[in-house]
Amino acid sequence: MRYGGNTSCVGLEIDGVDSIVFDLGTGLRLWGESLHQRPLRAHALVTHLHWDHIQGLPFLASIHDPDAHLDVYGPSHDGIGIAESFDVFMNPPLFPIQSSDLQGEVVFHDVSNESFEIGSATVTTAQVPHVGATNGYRVETAGAAVAYVSDHQEPVGRPDHVDERVLALCRDVDILIHDAQYTSDEFRMKSDWGHCTVPYAVEVAAQAGAKTLALFHHDPSHCDDSVDTLLEMARSLAAAQHIEIVAAAEGMKLECG
């Protein structure tokens, strides 16, 4: 009721730069409604091709405008490009139309372990541990930086080890949006599901020197009160590192830079 139930989708607004959105989950519908830009000019940074991160695309109302343009960036998987993967998902009988049937223009880009520019912003992407090919993203401009690591496999039995690629993405960012799905007890039951615990999210933020950590990818079995409890635990764990911690919620706005 308070944190929301849509799947992964986070908007990023930079002055003078086309709109950027991390992932295309069901939250994309509300993100599109929040934009006042017409026609749409936007860039989507997709972490991976699991349903909860891509299923919102056909429900983005502004993409049905023939003058709209959306660039979608994400990883290929087993040699299959992201455009082909979307047409597997958006294809009858699973869905009545393909992405090529949308009235607006959607251009897909396979990206992994590279950097590119979106206006004045530099986007860096690197593969992060999860189930299947998965990108993490860092966006920086004018001295401000945000990292998005939505799905991150915690190493079993090594709670203080963080992949060097992840640390590089998150180093000294103003805001780190990071997977924080499980309690330690839940992780023991689902240690190969590709996610991590709240303490591990704090560990990543501390090792990377992040200023603010947004706990993300809440488990769907957790109610609002559960998330509140996990937030307080995270703040207690991070007290010595002076990291500001919030629990991501629909409609939440954070500013940096």
Foldseek 3Di string as FASTA:
>chain_A
DWFDDWFDKDWDDDPPFATEMEFQALCLLVVLVPDPDPQHDYEYEYFDDDRRRHVRVVNNVNQLDLAHEYEYEYAAFPPHFPQVSQQVCCDPPNHDGGPVPRNYHYHYDHDEQDWDDGVQKIKGWHFAFFPTTTIKIWIDHPHAIEIEAAFHQQDPPCLLDGDPVLLVRLAAHQEYEFEAADDPVVCVVVNRRGGDHLSSQLSSCLSRVYQEYEHHPYHPVDDPVNVVVSQVVSCVSCVVSNHHYHYRGPPDDDDDD
